[in-house]
Every structure is written in C-alpha cells, then in structure tokens.
N, C-alpha and C. Protein backbone atom coordinates (compact mmCIF):
# COMPACT_ATOMS: atom_id res chain seq x y z
N MET A 1 11.42 2.35 27.66
CA MET A 1 11.63 2.51 26.24
C MET A 1 12.95 3.26 26.03
N SER A 2 13.75 2.79 25.10
CA SER A 2 15.02 3.41 24.78
C SER A 2 14.82 4.78 24.14
N LYS A 3 15.71 5.72 24.46
CA LYS A 3 15.65 7.04 23.85
C LYS A 3 15.88 6.96 22.34
N LEU A 4 16.50 5.88 21.89
CA LEU A 4 16.80 5.74 20.46
C LEU A 4 15.65 5.10 19.68
N GLN A 5 14.69 4.56 20.39
CA GLN A 5 13.58 3.91 19.71
C GLN A 5 12.82 4.93 18.86
N GLY A 6 12.56 4.57 17.64
CA GLY A 6 11.84 5.45 16.74
C GLY A 6 12.74 6.34 15.89
N LEU A 7 14.05 6.36 16.19
CA LEU A 7 14.96 7.17 15.39
C LEU A 7 15.33 6.45 14.10
N LYS A 8 15.41 7.21 13.04
CA LYS A 8 15.84 6.67 11.75
C LYS A 8 16.83 7.63 11.13
N VAL A 9 17.91 7.08 10.62
CA VAL A 9 18.85 7.86 9.83
C VAL A 9 18.51 7.58 8.38
N SER A 10 18.38 8.64 7.60
CA SER A 10 18.00 8.48 6.21
C SER A 10 18.99 9.19 5.31
N PHE A 11 19.11 8.68 4.10
CA PHE A 11 20.02 9.24 3.11
C PHE A 11 19.23 9.62 1.87
N GLY A 12 19.49 10.81 1.35
CA GLY A 12 18.85 11.25 0.12
C GLY A 12 19.89 11.62 -0.91
N TYR A 13 19.57 11.40 -2.17
CA TYR A 13 20.48 11.71 -3.27
C TYR A 13 19.66 12.17 -4.46
N ASP A 14 20.21 13.12 -5.21
CA ASP A 14 19.61 13.49 -6.49
C ASP A 14 20.69 14.08 -7.37
N SER A 15 20.46 14.04 -8.67
CA SER A 15 21.38 14.65 -9.63
C SER A 15 20.57 15.14 -10.83
N HIS A 16 21.08 16.19 -11.46
CA HIS A 16 20.46 16.75 -12.66
C HIS A 16 21.55 17.21 -13.61
N LYS A 17 21.28 17.09 -14.90
CA LYS A 17 22.16 17.65 -15.92
C LYS A 17 21.96 19.16 -15.97
N THR A 18 22.99 19.87 -16.40
CA THR A 18 22.85 21.30 -16.59
C THR A 18 22.03 21.58 -17.85
N ASP A 19 21.39 22.74 -17.85
CA ASP A 19 20.57 23.18 -18.98
C ASP A 19 20.69 24.71 -19.07
N LYS A 20 21.40 25.18 -20.08
CA LYS A 20 21.67 26.62 -20.20
C LYS A 20 20.42 27.44 -20.44
N ASP A 21 19.32 26.80 -20.78
CA ASP A 21 18.08 27.53 -21.04
C ASP A 21 17.17 27.63 -19.81
N ARG A 22 17.66 27.15 -18.68
CA ARG A 22 16.85 27.20 -17.45
C ARG A 22 17.55 28.01 -16.38
N ARG A 23 16.75 28.54 -15.47
CA ARG A 23 17.32 29.27 -14.34
C ARG A 23 17.77 28.26 -13.28
N LEU A 24 18.74 28.65 -12.47
CA LEU A 24 19.27 27.77 -11.45
C LEU A 24 18.63 28.10 -10.11
N ILE A 25 18.01 27.10 -9.51
CA ILE A 25 17.42 27.23 -8.18
C ILE A 25 18.01 26.13 -7.31
N LEU A 26 18.58 26.54 -6.18
CA LEU A 26 19.17 25.61 -5.22
C LEU A 26 18.71 25.99 -3.82
N GLY A 27 18.13 25.04 -3.13
CA GLY A 27 17.65 25.33 -1.77
C GLY A 27 16.62 26.45 -1.76
N GLY A 28 15.87 26.57 -2.84
CA GLY A 28 14.85 27.60 -2.94
C GLY A 28 15.38 28.98 -3.28
N VAL A 29 16.66 29.08 -3.60
CA VAL A 29 17.29 30.36 -3.94
C VAL A 29 17.61 30.37 -5.42
N GLU A 30 17.14 31.40 -6.13
CA GLU A 30 17.51 31.55 -7.53
C GLU A 30 18.87 32.23 -7.60
N LEU A 31 19.77 31.64 -8.38
CA LEU A 31 21.12 32.18 -8.54
C LEU A 31 21.23 32.74 -9.96
N PRO A 32 20.97 34.04 -10.12
CA PRO A 32 20.97 34.64 -11.44
C PRO A 32 22.35 34.57 -12.11
N GLY A 33 22.33 34.43 -13.43
CA GLY A 33 23.57 34.40 -14.19
C GLY A 33 24.24 33.04 -14.21
N GLU A 34 23.66 32.06 -13.56
CA GLU A 34 24.24 30.71 -13.52
C GLU A 34 23.46 29.78 -14.44
N VAL A 35 24.12 28.76 -14.94
CA VAL A 35 23.48 27.75 -15.78
C VAL A 35 22.53 26.93 -14.92
N GLY A 36 21.30 26.74 -15.40
CA GLY A 36 20.29 26.00 -14.66
C GLY A 36 20.43 24.49 -14.80
N LEU A 37 19.43 23.80 -14.28
CA LEU A 37 19.41 22.35 -14.30
C LEU A 37 18.17 21.85 -15.03
N ALA A 38 18.33 20.76 -15.75
CA ALA A 38 17.22 20.14 -16.47
C ALA A 38 16.35 19.38 -15.48
N GLY A 39 15.06 19.44 -15.71
CA GLY A 39 14.14 18.70 -14.85
C GLY A 39 12.71 19.07 -15.13
N HIS A 40 11.79 18.27 -14.63
CA HIS A 40 10.37 18.50 -14.85
C HIS A 40 9.86 19.63 -13.96
N SER A 41 10.32 19.65 -12.72
CA SER A 41 9.92 20.72 -11.78
C SER A 41 10.91 21.87 -11.95
N ASP A 42 11.18 22.60 -10.88
CA ASP A 42 12.20 23.66 -10.96
C ASP A 42 13.62 23.09 -10.91
N ALA A 43 13.74 21.76 -10.78
CA ALA A 43 15.02 21.03 -10.82
C ALA A 43 15.96 21.42 -9.68
N ASP A 44 15.40 21.76 -8.53
CA ASP A 44 16.20 22.11 -7.35
C ASP A 44 16.78 20.82 -6.76
N VAL A 45 17.98 20.48 -7.21
CA VAL A 45 18.62 19.22 -6.85
C VAL A 45 18.80 19.08 -5.34
N LEU A 46 19.03 20.18 -4.66
CA LEU A 46 19.22 20.15 -3.21
C LEU A 46 17.92 19.78 -2.49
N CYS A 47 16.84 20.46 -2.84
CA CYS A 47 15.54 20.15 -2.24
C CYS A 47 15.07 18.74 -2.60
N HIS A 48 15.40 18.29 -3.80
CA HIS A 48 14.99 16.94 -4.20
C HIS A 48 15.67 15.88 -3.34
N ALA A 49 16.94 16.07 -3.02
CA ALA A 49 17.64 15.11 -2.16
C ALA A 49 17.07 15.12 -0.75
N VAL A 50 16.71 16.30 -0.24
CA VAL A 50 16.09 16.40 1.08
C VAL A 50 14.74 15.69 1.07
N THR A 51 13.97 15.94 0.03
CA THR A 51 12.64 15.32 -0.10
C THR A 51 12.77 13.81 -0.14
N ASP A 52 13.74 13.30 -0.89
CA ASP A 52 13.96 11.86 -0.98
C ASP A 52 14.31 11.26 0.38
N ALA A 53 15.16 11.95 1.13
CA ALA A 53 15.55 11.45 2.45
C ALA A 53 14.34 11.36 3.37
N LEU A 54 13.52 12.39 3.40
CA LEU A 54 12.34 12.39 4.28
C LEU A 54 11.30 11.38 3.83
N ALA A 55 11.06 11.31 2.53
CA ALA A 55 10.08 10.34 2.02
C ALA A 55 10.51 8.92 2.36
N SER A 56 11.77 8.63 2.19
CA SER A 56 12.29 7.30 2.47
C SER A 56 12.17 6.95 3.96
N ALA A 57 12.58 7.86 4.81
CA ALA A 57 12.53 7.60 6.26
C ALA A 57 11.11 7.39 6.75
N SER A 58 10.17 8.04 6.09
CA SER A 58 8.77 7.99 6.52
C SER A 58 7.97 6.87 5.86
N GLY A 59 8.63 6.10 5.02
CA GLY A 59 7.94 5.01 4.34
C GLY A 59 7.05 5.48 3.19
N LEU A 60 7.34 6.67 2.67
CA LEU A 60 6.52 7.24 1.59
C LEU A 60 7.09 6.93 0.21
N GLY A 61 8.22 6.25 0.16
CA GLY A 61 8.83 5.95 -1.13
C GLY A 61 9.91 6.94 -1.47
N ASP A 62 9.78 7.55 -2.64
CA ASP A 62 10.77 8.53 -3.07
C ASP A 62 10.08 9.64 -3.86
N ILE A 63 10.85 10.65 -4.21
CA ILE A 63 10.29 11.82 -4.87
C ILE A 63 9.64 11.46 -6.21
N GLY A 64 10.23 10.52 -6.93
CA GLY A 64 9.69 10.11 -8.22
C GLY A 64 8.33 9.42 -8.12
N ARG A 65 8.12 8.66 -7.08
CA ARG A 65 6.81 8.01 -6.88
C ARG A 65 5.77 9.02 -6.41
N MET A 66 6.20 9.96 -5.59
CA MET A 66 5.25 10.93 -5.05
C MET A 66 4.88 12.02 -6.06
N PHE A 67 5.88 12.43 -6.86
CA PHE A 67 5.68 13.52 -7.82
C PHE A 67 6.27 13.10 -9.17
N PRO A 68 5.58 12.22 -9.90
CA PRO A 68 6.13 11.67 -11.15
C PRO A 68 6.47 12.75 -12.17
N ASP A 69 7.60 12.54 -12.85
CA ASP A 69 8.05 13.54 -13.82
C ASP A 69 7.27 13.52 -15.13
N ASP A 70 6.30 12.62 -15.22
CA ASP A 70 5.42 12.64 -16.40
C ASP A 70 4.03 13.19 -16.07
N ASP A 71 3.88 13.71 -14.86
CA ASP A 71 2.61 14.30 -14.43
C ASP A 71 2.66 15.81 -14.66
N PRO A 72 1.79 16.34 -15.52
CA PRO A 72 1.83 17.77 -15.82
C PRO A 72 1.59 18.66 -14.59
N GLU A 73 0.98 18.13 -13.55
CA GLU A 73 0.75 18.91 -12.34
C GLU A 73 2.05 19.43 -11.74
N TYR A 74 3.14 18.69 -11.93
CA TYR A 74 4.41 19.04 -11.30
C TYR A 74 5.38 19.76 -12.24
N GLU A 75 4.96 20.06 -13.45
CA GLU A 75 5.82 20.77 -14.38
C GLU A 75 6.12 22.17 -13.84
N GLY A 76 7.41 22.45 -13.67
CA GLY A 76 7.83 23.74 -13.14
C GLY A 76 7.56 23.94 -11.66
N ALA A 77 7.17 22.88 -10.95
CA ALA A 77 6.77 22.99 -9.54
C ALA A 77 7.91 23.52 -8.67
N ASP A 78 7.54 24.26 -7.65
CA ASP A 78 8.45 24.78 -6.64
C ASP A 78 8.83 23.63 -5.71
N SER A 79 10.09 23.24 -5.72
CA SER A 79 10.53 22.07 -4.94
C SER A 79 10.42 22.27 -3.44
N LEU A 80 10.49 23.50 -2.96
CA LEU A 80 10.27 23.73 -1.53
C LEU A 80 8.82 23.41 -1.16
N LYS A 81 7.89 23.73 -2.06
CA LYS A 81 6.47 23.41 -1.81
C LYS A 81 6.26 21.90 -1.81
N LEU A 82 6.95 21.20 -2.71
CA LEU A 82 6.84 19.74 -2.72
C LEU A 82 7.40 19.17 -1.42
N LEU A 83 8.51 19.73 -0.94
CA LEU A 83 9.09 19.28 0.34
C LEU A 83 8.11 19.52 1.48
N GLU A 84 7.42 20.65 1.48
CA GLU A 84 6.42 20.92 2.52
C GLU A 84 5.31 19.88 2.48
N ARG A 85 4.91 19.45 1.28
CA ARG A 85 3.87 18.42 1.16
C ARG A 85 4.34 17.08 1.73
N VAL A 86 5.60 16.74 1.47
CA VAL A 86 6.15 15.50 2.02
C VAL A 86 6.26 15.61 3.53
N ARG A 87 6.67 16.78 4.02
CA ARG A 87 6.73 16.99 5.48
C ARG A 87 5.37 16.74 6.11
N GLN A 88 4.31 17.27 5.49
CA GLN A 88 2.97 17.09 6.04
C GLN A 88 2.56 15.62 6.01
N ALA A 89 2.85 14.94 4.90
CA ALA A 89 2.51 13.52 4.80
C ALA A 89 3.28 12.71 5.85
N ALA A 90 4.56 13.04 6.05
CA ALA A 90 5.37 12.36 7.07
C ALA A 90 4.80 12.64 8.46
N LYS A 91 4.44 13.90 8.71
CA LYS A 91 3.85 14.28 10.00
C LYS A 91 2.56 13.51 10.26
N ASP A 92 1.74 13.36 9.23
CA ASP A 92 0.49 12.62 9.36
C ASP A 92 0.73 11.16 9.72
N MET A 93 1.92 10.65 9.38
CA MET A 93 2.28 9.27 9.70
C MET A 93 3.05 9.19 11.02
N GLY A 94 3.24 10.34 11.69
CA GLY A 94 3.90 10.36 12.99
C GLY A 94 5.39 10.62 12.95
N TYR A 95 5.93 11.05 11.81
CA TYR A 95 7.37 11.29 11.68
C TYR A 95 7.69 12.77 11.76
N ARG A 96 8.84 13.06 12.38
CA ARG A 96 9.33 14.43 12.50
C ARG A 96 10.83 14.43 12.26
N THR A 97 11.29 15.39 11.46
CA THR A 97 12.72 15.53 11.20
C THR A 97 13.38 16.20 12.40
N ILE A 98 14.54 15.71 12.76
CA ILE A 98 15.32 16.30 13.84
C ILE A 98 16.40 17.22 13.27
N ASN A 99 17.16 16.72 12.30
CA ASN A 99 18.15 17.56 11.63
C ASN A 99 18.44 17.03 10.24
N CYS A 100 19.15 17.84 9.48
CA CYS A 100 19.39 17.52 8.08
C CYS A 100 20.73 18.13 7.67
N ASP A 101 21.61 17.32 7.10
CA ASP A 101 22.92 17.76 6.63
C ASP A 101 22.98 17.57 5.13
N CYS A 102 23.17 18.66 4.38
CA CYS A 102 23.10 18.66 2.92
C CYS A 102 24.46 19.01 2.31
N THR A 103 24.84 18.28 1.27
CA THR A 103 26.05 18.57 0.53
C THR A 103 25.71 18.67 -0.95
N LEU A 104 26.00 19.83 -1.54
CA LEU A 104 25.83 20.04 -2.98
C LEU A 104 27.17 19.78 -3.64
N ILE A 105 27.17 18.99 -4.71
CA ILE A 105 28.38 18.70 -5.46
C ILE A 105 28.24 19.42 -6.80
N ALA A 106 29.07 20.45 -7.02
CA ALA A 106 29.02 21.23 -8.25
C ALA A 106 30.32 22.01 -8.40
N GLU A 107 30.77 22.17 -9.61
CA GLU A 107 31.96 22.98 -9.85
C GLU A 107 31.64 24.46 -9.69
N ARG A 108 30.45 24.84 -10.09
CA ARG A 108 29.96 26.19 -9.88
C ARG A 108 28.46 26.12 -9.83
N PRO A 109 27.83 27.03 -9.15
CA PRO A 109 28.40 28.21 -8.51
C PRO A 109 28.99 27.86 -7.15
N ARG A 110 29.81 28.73 -6.66
CA ARG A 110 30.27 28.64 -5.28
C ARG A 110 29.09 29.10 -4.42
N ILE A 111 28.67 28.29 -3.48
CA ILE A 111 27.44 28.61 -2.75
C ILE A 111 27.67 29.17 -1.35
N ALA A 112 28.91 29.39 -0.98
CA ALA A 112 29.19 29.86 0.39
C ALA A 112 28.35 31.07 0.77
N GLY A 113 28.16 32.00 -0.14
CA GLY A 113 27.39 33.20 0.16
C GLY A 113 25.88 32.98 0.21
N PHE A 114 25.43 31.81 -0.22
CA PHE A 114 24.00 31.50 -0.27
C PHE A 114 23.59 30.36 0.66
N ALA A 115 24.58 29.66 1.22
CA ALA A 115 24.31 28.44 1.99
C ALA A 115 23.39 28.70 3.19
N ASP A 116 23.57 29.82 3.87
CA ASP A 116 22.74 30.09 5.05
C ASP A 116 21.28 30.29 4.69
N ILE A 117 21.00 31.02 3.63
CA ILE A 117 19.59 31.22 3.23
C ILE A 117 19.00 29.91 2.70
N MET A 118 19.80 29.11 2.00
CA MET A 118 19.32 27.79 1.55
C MET A 118 18.96 26.94 2.77
N ALA A 119 19.82 26.94 3.77
CA ALA A 119 19.56 26.16 4.98
C ALA A 119 18.29 26.66 5.68
N ARG A 120 18.11 27.98 5.75
CA ARG A 120 16.89 28.52 6.37
C ARG A 120 15.65 28.13 5.58
N ASN A 121 15.73 28.18 4.25
CA ASN A 121 14.59 27.79 3.42
C ASN A 121 14.20 26.33 3.66
N ILE A 122 15.19 25.47 3.69
CA ILE A 122 14.94 24.03 3.89
C ILE A 122 14.42 23.80 5.30
N ALA A 123 15.02 24.45 6.28
CA ALA A 123 14.55 24.31 7.67
C ALA A 123 13.09 24.73 7.78
N SER A 124 12.74 25.83 7.15
CA SER A 124 11.36 26.31 7.19
C SER A 124 10.41 25.29 6.57
N ALA A 125 10.79 24.74 5.42
CA ALA A 125 9.95 23.75 4.75
C ALA A 125 9.78 22.49 5.60
N LEU A 126 10.80 22.18 6.40
CA LEU A 126 10.75 21.00 7.27
C LEU A 126 10.15 21.31 8.64
N GLY A 127 9.85 22.58 8.90
CA GLY A 127 9.31 22.96 10.20
C GLY A 127 10.34 22.91 11.30
N LEU A 128 11.59 23.17 10.96
CA LEU A 128 12.69 23.09 11.92
C LEU A 128 13.19 24.47 12.29
N GLU A 129 13.82 24.54 13.45
CA GLU A 129 14.47 25.78 13.88
C GLU A 129 15.71 26.01 13.04
N GLU A 130 16.06 27.29 12.91
CA GLU A 130 17.30 27.64 12.24
C GLU A 130 18.46 26.95 12.96
N GLY A 131 19.39 26.44 12.22
CA GLY A 131 20.52 25.73 12.80
C GLY A 131 20.36 24.22 12.77
N SER A 132 19.15 23.75 12.45
CA SER A 132 18.90 22.31 12.38
C SER A 132 19.21 21.74 11.00
N VAL A 133 19.50 22.62 10.06
CA VAL A 133 19.84 22.21 8.69
C VAL A 133 21.16 22.86 8.33
N SER A 134 22.07 22.08 7.76
CA SER A 134 23.32 22.63 7.26
C SER A 134 23.39 22.39 5.75
N VAL A 135 23.98 23.34 5.05
CA VAL A 135 24.18 23.23 3.60
C VAL A 135 25.62 23.61 3.32
N LYS A 136 26.29 22.77 2.57
CA LYS A 136 27.67 23.07 2.17
C LYS A 136 27.88 22.63 0.73
N GLY A 137 28.86 23.23 0.10
CA GLY A 137 29.19 22.89 -1.28
C GLY A 137 30.55 22.24 -1.37
N LYS A 138 30.66 21.33 -2.29
CA LYS A 138 31.93 20.66 -2.60
C LYS A 138 32.06 20.59 -4.12
N THR A 139 33.28 20.46 -4.60
CA THR A 139 33.50 20.27 -6.03
C THR A 139 34.02 18.87 -6.27
N ASN A 140 34.06 18.47 -7.52
CA ASN A 140 34.66 17.19 -7.89
C ASN A 140 36.03 17.41 -8.52
N GLU A 141 36.61 18.61 -8.27
CA GLU A 141 37.98 18.91 -8.69
C GLU A 141 38.21 18.62 -10.17
N GLY A 142 37.20 18.88 -11.00
CA GLY A 142 37.34 18.71 -12.43
C GLY A 142 37.20 17.27 -12.91
N MET A 143 36.95 16.34 -12.00
CA MET A 143 36.81 14.93 -12.39
C MET A 143 35.36 14.62 -12.75
N ASP A 144 35.11 13.77 -13.65
CA ASP A 144 33.83 13.23 -14.11
C ASP A 144 32.89 14.29 -14.68
N CYS A 145 31.65 13.91 -14.97
CA CYS A 145 30.70 14.83 -15.62
C CYS A 145 30.37 16.02 -14.73
N ILE A 146 30.27 15.83 -13.44
CA ILE A 146 30.01 16.95 -12.54
C ILE A 146 31.23 17.87 -12.53
N GLY A 147 32.40 17.30 -12.50
CA GLY A 147 33.63 18.09 -12.53
C GLY A 147 33.80 18.88 -13.82
N ARG A 148 33.22 18.39 -14.90
CA ARG A 148 33.26 19.11 -16.17
C ARG A 148 32.12 20.13 -16.28
N GLY A 149 31.28 20.24 -15.23
CA GLY A 149 30.19 21.21 -15.24
C GLY A 149 28.96 20.76 -16.00
N GLU A 150 28.85 19.46 -16.24
CA GLU A 150 27.72 18.93 -17.01
C GLU A 150 26.50 18.62 -16.13
N GLY A 151 26.64 18.77 -14.83
CA GLY A 151 25.53 18.49 -13.93
C GLY A 151 25.90 18.82 -12.50
N MET A 152 24.95 18.56 -11.62
CA MET A 152 25.13 18.75 -10.18
C MET A 152 24.48 17.57 -9.47
N ALA A 153 24.93 17.34 -8.24
CA ALA A 153 24.34 16.30 -7.41
C ALA A 153 24.25 16.82 -5.98
N ALA A 154 23.41 16.18 -5.20
CA ALA A 154 23.28 16.53 -3.79
C ALA A 154 23.11 15.27 -2.97
N TYR A 155 23.76 15.28 -1.80
CA TYR A 155 23.66 14.20 -0.82
C TYR A 155 23.08 14.79 0.45
N VAL A 156 22.21 14.03 1.09
CA VAL A 156 21.58 14.49 2.33
C VAL A 156 21.55 13.35 3.33
N VAL A 157 21.93 13.66 4.56
CA VAL A 157 21.75 12.73 5.68
C VAL A 157 20.78 13.41 6.63
N MET A 158 19.78 12.67 7.07
CA MET A 158 18.71 13.23 7.88
C MET A 158 18.42 12.30 9.05
N LEU A 159 18.12 12.90 10.19
CA LEU A 159 17.68 12.14 11.35
C LEU A 159 16.20 12.43 11.55
N VAL A 160 15.42 11.37 11.60
CA VAL A 160 13.95 11.46 11.72
C VAL A 160 13.53 10.60 12.90
N ILE A 161 12.47 11.02 13.57
CA ILE A 161 11.93 10.23 14.68
C ILE A 161 10.45 9.97 14.46
N LYS A 162 10.05 8.75 14.79
CA LYS A 162 8.62 8.39 14.77
C LYS A 162 8.12 8.64 16.19
N GLU A 163 7.16 9.54 16.30
CA GLU A 163 6.65 9.90 17.62
C GLU A 163 5.35 9.18 17.91
C-alpha cells in the first residue's frame, strides 16, 4: 500500500461582513476594541474556514449543512466547539487531520501578536500537537470590500488522512 493512500488535501474558505455591534473573535480569541463580524454563531471566520476544510475532506459536507444559520441551536455558538464536533464526526468516519495552514485576510486587526494562540486553539480543537497549525494574516492593500474594512475572509489548506 502506498504511503500516500488515504491522504486528502482539502481547502476551506469563509467570509463575513463587519458588524460594529458585535465582538470580534478569531481563532477562538476575542480581540477587544475591534469591529466584530456578522453571523449567526460567534462569526469566527477563521474557525469556520477550518471547519469547512475538515468537513469537506471527511465527506461531511460543509459548515452550513452541518450547522444551519437558521437553526436557533447555533445562535451565538462557539465556533471552536463546532470545530470539535466536526473533528469527532470525522474521527468516527476514520479521518484524522495531519496539519492545517490558515490565512486570514483583513485590513485590521493586525494579528501577529495573536496568531500563536489562535494556532494553539485550532490545534487543540483538531486534536493536534502545537506546531501542526499555522495562522497568518494578510491584507488586501485597500482593494475591494475587504480592503475597505467591510469584511474579512479566511483560507485554509488542510492535510487529512483516512486511517
């Protein structure tokens, strides 16, 4: 059997509009004094992209199918907890995450001082060792709606194996 058999590369994406009346949570970290994101749950765009990548790789669909935004059960939900639920469902199907690379696209906040704790939070939710998840921030240099500060997006690439 090939060492590559059972490996899957998965891609996750999410975006949310800004909402000045909400708190900002990214990677399970609340960033006080920053404009929040609109959404049914806690609107953690970073965790949502990770969740989407894992759900997709595991054949579970996507975050919207698993946790519909019209279901009151998920209103204000902690996105790290939702990620833990997807991890368990993926594990029950024989899937395990190997690593995860996350990119947040936002003009602000600058996340360099928070990226390590975000990575640790996501790694913990995925049952991974520290260092198996990376989180970095990029801007859109003032271009488009994200560049104007009207929203944020996150991209995730994940390696998963079916055991």
